[in-house]
Protein backbone atom coordinates (compact mmCIF):
# COMPACT_ATOMS: atom_id res chain seq x y z
CA MET A 1 88.72 -69.48 105.71
CA ARG A 2 90.53 -72.48 104.20
CA PHE A 3 91.59 -70.35 101.25
CA ILE A 4 93.09 -67.71 103.55
CA ARG A 5 95.03 -70.35 105.53
CA LEU A 6 96.25 -71.88 102.28
CA MET A 7 97.40 -68.49 100.98
CA ILE A 8 99.20 -67.70 104.25
CA THR A 9 100.96 -71.06 104.09
CA VAL A 10 101.97 -70.55 100.46
CA VAL A 11 103.24 -67.01 101.06
CA ALA A 12 105.12 -68.01 104.24
CA SER A 13 106.73 -70.98 102.48
CA GLY A 14 107.73 -68.79 99.55
CA LEU A 15 109.31 -66.21 101.85
CA LEU A 16 111.18 -68.92 103.72
CA VAL A 17 112.58 -70.41 100.52
CA LEU A 18 113.40 -66.97 99.13
CA GLY A 19 115.08 -65.93 102.36
CA LEU A 20 117.20 -69.08 102.54
CA GLY A 21 118.17 -68.78 98.91
CA CYS A 22 119.41 -65.24 99.35
CA ARG A 23 121.77 -65.92 102.24
CA GLY A 24 124.17 -67.85 100.01
CA THR A 25 126.00 -69.77 102.74
CA GLU A 26 123.63 -72.62 103.52
CA PRO A 27 124.51 -76.15 102.62
CA VAL A 28 122.66 -77.27 99.50
CA VAL A 29 122.94 -81.03 99.19
CA ALA A 30 120.38 -83.59 98.15
CA ASN A 31 120.26 -85.98 101.12
CA THR A 32 123.77 -87.47 101.38
CA LEU A 33 126.86 -87.22 99.19
CA ASP A 34 129.70 -89.72 99.60
CA TYR A 35 133.20 -88.81 98.42
CA GLU A 36 136.37 -90.91 98.21
CA ALA A 37 139.90 -89.78 97.36
CA THR A 38 140.83 -90.84 93.83
CA GLN A 39 143.89 -88.59 93.54
CA TRP A 40 146.20 -87.37 96.29
CA LEU A 41 149.58 -86.18 95.13
CA ILE A 42 152.13 -84.64 97.47
CA THR A 43 155.13 -82.64 96.22
CA GLY A 44 157.73 -80.59 98.07
CA ALA A 45 159.15 -81.80 101.38
CA ILE A 46 157.75 -85.23 100.41
CA ASP A 47 157.11 -86.39 96.84
CA GLU A 48 154.53 -89.15 96.94
CA ASP A 49 151.31 -90.53 95.56
CA ALA A 50 149.57 -90.76 98.92
CA LEU A 51 146.96 -93.26 97.74
CA ALA A 52 149.65 -95.58 96.38
CA VAL A 53 151.25 -95.82 99.85
CA GLY A 54 147.93 -96.50 101.59
CA ALA A 55 146.51 -93.08 102.48
CA MET A 56 142.72 -92.76 102.60
CA LEU A 57 140.33 -89.81 102.69
CA ASP A 58 136.57 -90.42 102.68
CA LEU A 59 133.86 -87.83 103.37
CA VAL A 60 130.10 -88.05 103.76
CA MET A 61 128.27 -84.72 103.44
CA ARG A 62 124.71 -84.60 104.75
CA GLU A 63 121.92 -82.07 104.51
CA GLY A 64 122.07 -79.44 107.22
CA GLY A 65 125.83 -78.95 106.90
CA ILE A 66 126.92 -82.16 108.65
CA VAL A 67 130.09 -83.95 107.57
CA ASP A 68 131.61 -87.22 108.70
CA GLY A 69 134.50 -89.21 107.34
CA MET A 70 137.91 -90.74 107.89
CA LEU A 71 141.45 -89.67 107.14
CA PHE A 72 144.37 -92.08 107.25
CA MET A 73 147.97 -91.13 106.47
CA PRO A 74 150.74 -93.76 106.74
CA ALA A 75 153.95 -92.83 108.55
CA SER A 76 155.81 -92.38 105.26
CA ILE A 77 153.83 -89.23 104.43
CA THR A 78 153.41 -87.64 107.86
CA THR A 79 155.78 -85.11 109.36
CA ARG A 80 155.65 -86.94 112.71
CA GLY A 81 156.93 -90.26 111.39
CA ASN A 82 153.99 -92.36 112.59
CA ASP A 83 150.60 -93.31 111.15
CA PHE A 84 147.88 -90.69 111.52
CA THR A 85 144.16 -91.44 111.68
CA ALA A 86 141.38 -88.92 112.26
CA ARG A 87 137.62 -88.99 112.22
CA LEU A 88 136.39 -86.03 110.19
CA ALA A 89 133.19 -85.28 112.08
CA GLY A 90 131.97 -81.70 111.99
CA SER A 91 130.25 -79.27 109.69
CA TRP A 92 130.53 -77.80 106.21
CA ILE A 93 129.40 -74.64 104.49
CA LYS A 94 129.03 -73.78 100.81
CA ARG A 95 129.83 -70.39 99.29
CA GLY A 96 129.49 -70.31 95.53
CA ASP A 97 131.34 -73.39 94.29
CA THR A 98 133.61 -73.54 97.35
CA ILE A 99 133.13 -75.86 100.32
CA ARG A 100 134.78 -75.22 103.70
CA PHE A 101 134.92 -77.88 106.39
CA ASN A 102 135.08 -77.37 110.13
CA GLU A 103 135.83 -80.70 111.71
CA VAL A 104 136.65 -81.54 115.28
CA SER A 105 139.99 -83.18 114.46
CA LEU A 106 141.42 -79.99 112.87
CA THR A 107 143.27 -81.62 110.00
CA PHE A 108 144.43 -80.05 106.74
CA VAL A 109 140.95 -80.82 105.36
CA SER A 110 139.57 -77.81 107.25
CA ASP A 111 142.45 -75.60 106.08
CA PHE A 112 141.71 -76.03 102.37
CA ASP A 113 139.10 -74.45 100.11
CA TRP A 114 137.43 -77.36 98.31
CA ILE A 115 136.01 -76.74 94.82
CA LEU A 116 132.68 -78.45 94.21
CA THR A 117 131.66 -79.85 90.83
CA PRO A 118 128.83 -82.32 90.15
CA GLU A 119 131.31 -85.23 90.28
CA ASN A 120 134.18 -84.03 92.51
CA LEU A 121 135.53 -82.07 95.41
CA SER A 122 139.07 -80.91 94.75
CA ALA A 123 141.69 -78.95 96.63
CA ALA A 124 145.25 -77.84 95.95
CA ASP A 125 147.16 -76.19 98.78
CA SER A 126 150.31 -76.40 100.92
CA VAL A 127 150.75 -78.15 104.27
CA ASP A 128 153.99 -78.36 106.28
CA GLY A 129 156.19 -77.50 103.29
CA SER A 130 154.44 -79.87 100.87
CA PHE A 131 151.89 -79.15 98.17
CA TYR A 132 148.76 -81.34 98.20
CA ASP A 133 146.70 -81.93 95.07
CA ILE A 134 143.59 -83.91 96.04
CA ILE A 135 140.49 -85.01 94.16
CA LEU A 136 137.60 -86.61 95.98
CA THR A 137 135.21 -88.34 93.60
CA ARG A 138 131.51 -88.62 94.32
CA MET A 139 130.38 -92.21 94.82
CA PHE A 140 126.94 -92.71 93.28
């Protein structure tokens, strides 16, 4: 009887893992990954090294597709002319090597496709007439 229960557990676990692996959209992250912007260049309507003028973008990705973080943009790089701060709480999903964010604040972070490598998340896209080239580096 123990053997049968063990086999049922093994088979059920295998099917669960196989089924999750085949869907292809689940977050796959070991515990927690912390990222910090190490490059953020803006060209176009504004030409600026965002980090050099005090901008900040930090993300924490957790298992289960949970993301949290902070975005700060000084007035000199916003289209509104005043400082912008947002908490980046929400969710994320992985498809291939691309990460998409869905955060409550609805910033440009959720508009971009982020490319995942073992060390970085990177994105290059346009916002409000400016091109953003951003690299977030994994903090170990």
